[in-house]
Amino acid sequence: MAISNKHPGELAERLARRLTRPGERRPADGWRRESFTLPREKAREKAREFFDDFPKAAYMTEIESWRELSDGQIEFTMRRLPSAD
């Protein structure tokens, strides 16, 4: 069966549909992500709580990204596997 794509955009759209779940914009890569925007100390507490609830050894938990906003708050995303074996 030959697949015909008249435009590169059609191929890109088809591949993007394969990588995303219906109704979601993020790729279906198996990771669970939660994003937070908190004052610095609260952000540290939330990250520690997240690591306590989902230990790195079992869930491969990590801070995927973070940045300091102009108002001094920290915006960050925690990433983990959905379950431990």
C-alpha atoms as a PDB file:
ATOM      1  CA  MET A   1       0.000   0.000   0.000  1.00  0.00           C
ATOM      2  CA  ALA A   2       1.493   3.312  -1.072  1.00  0.00           C
ATOM      3  CA  ILE A   3       0.945   6.363   1.087  1.00  0.00           C
ATOM      4  CA  SER A   4       0.639   9.580  -0.824  1.00  0.00           C
ATOM      5  CA  ASN A   5       1.329  12.926   0.814  1.00  0.00           C
ATOM      6  CA  LYS A   6       0.838  15.881  -1.469  1.00  0.00           C
ATOM      7  CA  HIS A   7       2.405  18.321   0.978  1.00  0.00           C
ATOM      8  CA  PRO A   8       4.985  17.961   3.747  1.00  0.00           C
ATOM      9  CA  GLY A   9       2.407  19.433   6.151  1.00  0.00           C
ATOM     10  CA  GLU A  10       0.116  16.443   5.563  1.00  0.00           C
ATOM     11  CA  LEU A  11       2.865  14.059   6.624  1.00  0.00           C
ATOM     12  CA  ALA A  12       3.605  16.170   9.699  1.00  0.00           C
ATOM     13  CA  GLU A  13      -0.084  16.208  10.690  1.00  0.00           C
ATOM     14  CA  ARG A  14      -0.396  12.449  10.254  1.00  0.00           C
ATOM     15  CA  LEU A  15       2.694  11.791  12.377  1.00  0.00           C
ATOM     16  CA  ALA A  16       1.497  14.224  15.053  1.00  0.00           C
ATOM     17  CA  ARG A  17      -1.845  12.384  15.263  1.00  0.00           C
ATOM     18  CA  ARG A  18       0.016   9.124  15.905  1.00  0.00           C
ATOM     19  CA  LEU A  19       1.989  10.658  18.768  1.00  0.00           C
ATOM     20  CA  THR A  20      -0.894  12.287  20.618  1.00  0.00           C
ATOM     21  CA  ARG A  21      -3.883  10.899  22.433  1.00  0.00           C
ATOM     22  CA  PRO A  22      -7.326  12.139  21.406  1.00  0.00           C
ATOM     23  CA  GLY A  23      -8.110  15.414  23.162  1.00  0.00           C
ATOM     24  CA  GLU A  24      -4.492  16.024  24.285  1.00  0.00           C
ATOM     25  CA  ARG A  25      -1.897  18.343  22.834  1.00  0.00           C
ATOM     26  CA  ARG A  26       1.167  16.642  24.367  1.00  0.00           C
ATOM     27  CA  PRO A  27       2.783  13.548  22.884  1.00  0.00           C
ATOM     28  CA  ALA A  28       1.705  10.225  24.378  1.00  0.00           C
ATOM     29  CA  ASP A  29       5.190   9.418  25.660  1.00  0.00           C
ATOM     30  CA  GLY A  30       4.190   7.532  28.815  1.00  0.00           C
ATOM     31  CA  TRP A  31       5.186  10.254  31.306  1.00  0.00           C
ATOM     32  CA  ARG A  32       2.812  11.949  33.741  1.00  0.00           C
ATOM     33  CA  ARG A  33       3.455  15.645  34.170  1.00  0.00           C
ATOM     34  CA  GLU A  34       2.189  18.207  36.638  1.00  0.00           C
ATOM     35  CA  SER A  35       2.972  21.903  36.415  1.00  0.00           C
ATOM     36  CA  PHE A  36       2.967  24.387  39.283  1.00  0.00           C
ATOM     37  CA  THR A  37       3.495  28.109  39.816  1.00  0.00           C
ATOM     38  CA  LEU A  38       4.378  28.887  43.430  1.00  0.00           C
ATOM     39  CA  PRO A  39       6.475  31.215  45.568  1.00  0.00           C
ATOM     40  CA  ARG A  40      10.063  29.910  45.901  1.00  0.00           C
ATOM     41  CA  GLU A  41       9.701  28.250  49.335  1.00  0.00           C
ATOM     42  CA  LYS A  42       6.327  26.697  48.458  1.00  0.00           C
ATOM     43  CA  ALA A  43       7.839  25.425  45.191  1.00  0.00           C
ATOM     44  CA  ARG A  44      10.628  23.703  47.127  1.00  0.00           C
ATOM     45  CA  GLU A  45       8.088  22.145  49.493  1.00  0.00           C
ATOM     46  CA  LYS A  46       5.941  20.931  46.593  1.00  0.00           C
ATOM     47  CA  ALA A  47       8.954  19.395  44.810  1.00  0.00           C
ATOM     48  CA  ARG A  48      10.043  17.591  48.013  1.00  0.00           C
ATOM     49  CA  GLU A  49       6.477  16.350  48.534  1.00  0.00           C
ATOM     50  CA  PHE A  50       6.376  15.090  44.940  1.00  0.00           C
ATOM     51  CA  PHE A  51       9.674  13.198  45.393  1.00  0.00           C
ATOM     52  CA  ASP A  52       8.369  11.739  48.683  1.00  0.00           C
ATOM     53  CA  ASP A  53       5.120  10.589  47.047  1.00  0.00           C
ATOM     54  CA  PHE A  54       6.820   9.307  43.885  1.00  0.00           C
ATOM     55  CA  PRO A  55      10.413   8.245  44.694  1.00  0.00           C
ATOM     56  CA  LYS A  56      12.918   8.696  41.880  1.00  0.00           C
ATOM     57  CA  ALA A  57      14.065   5.063  42.087  1.00  0.00           C
ATOM     58  CA  ALA A  58      10.561   3.717  41.414  1.00  0.00           C
ATOM     59  CA  TYR A  59       8.977   6.410  39.243  1.00  0.00           C
ATOM     60  CA  MET A  60      12.024   8.087  37.629  1.00  0.00           C
ATOM     61  CA  THR A  61      10.677  11.359  39.030  1.00  0.00           C
ATOM     62  CA  GLU A  62      12.410  14.558  38.000  1.00  0.00           C
ATOM     63  CA  ILE A  63      11.931  18.277  37.633  1.00  0.00           C
ATOM     64  CA  GLU A  64      11.538  18.498  33.885  1.00  0.00           C
ATOM     65  CA  SER A  65      11.743  22.283  33.607  1.00  0.00           C
ATOM     66  CA  TRP A  66      11.635  25.380  35.775  1.00  0.00           C
ATOM     67  CA  ARG A  67      11.934  29.147  35.511  1.00  0.00           C
ATOM     68  CA  GLU A  68      11.666  32.171  37.733  1.00  0.00           C
ATOM     69  CA  LEU A  69       8.878  34.539  36.739  1.00  0.00           C
ATOM     70  CA  SER A  70       9.140  38.336  36.909  1.00  0.00           C
ATOM     71  CA  ASP A  71       7.105  38.367  40.142  1.00  0.00           C
ATOM     72  CA  GLY A  72       9.601  36.005  41.819  1.00  0.00           C
ATOM     73  CA  GLN A  73       7.402  32.910  41.642  1.00  0.00           C
ATOM     74  CA  ILE A  74       8.790  29.641  40.300  1.00  0.00           C
ATOM     75  CA  GLU A  75       7.015  27.883  37.447  1.00  0.00           C
ATOM     76  CA  PHE A  76       8.030  24.228  37.178  1.00  0.00           C
ATOM     77  CA  THR A  77       6.954  20.912  35.734  1.00  0.00           C
ATOM     78  CA  MET A  78       7.446  17.590  37.519  1.00  0.00           C
ATOM     79  CA  ARG A  79       7.620  14.422  35.449  1.00  0.00           C
ATOM     80  CA  ARG A  80       7.200  10.792  36.550  1.00  0.00           C
ATOM     81  CA  LEU A  81       6.219   7.379  35.268  1.00  0.00           C
ATOM     82  CA  PRO A  82       2.579   6.471  35.938  1.00  0.00           C
ATOM     83  CA  SER A  83       3.325   3.457  38.151  1.00  0.00           C
ATOM     84  CA  ALA A  84       6.146   1.440  39.664  1.00  0.00           C
ATOM     85  CA  ASP A  85       6.819  -2.196  38.831  1.00  0.00           C
END
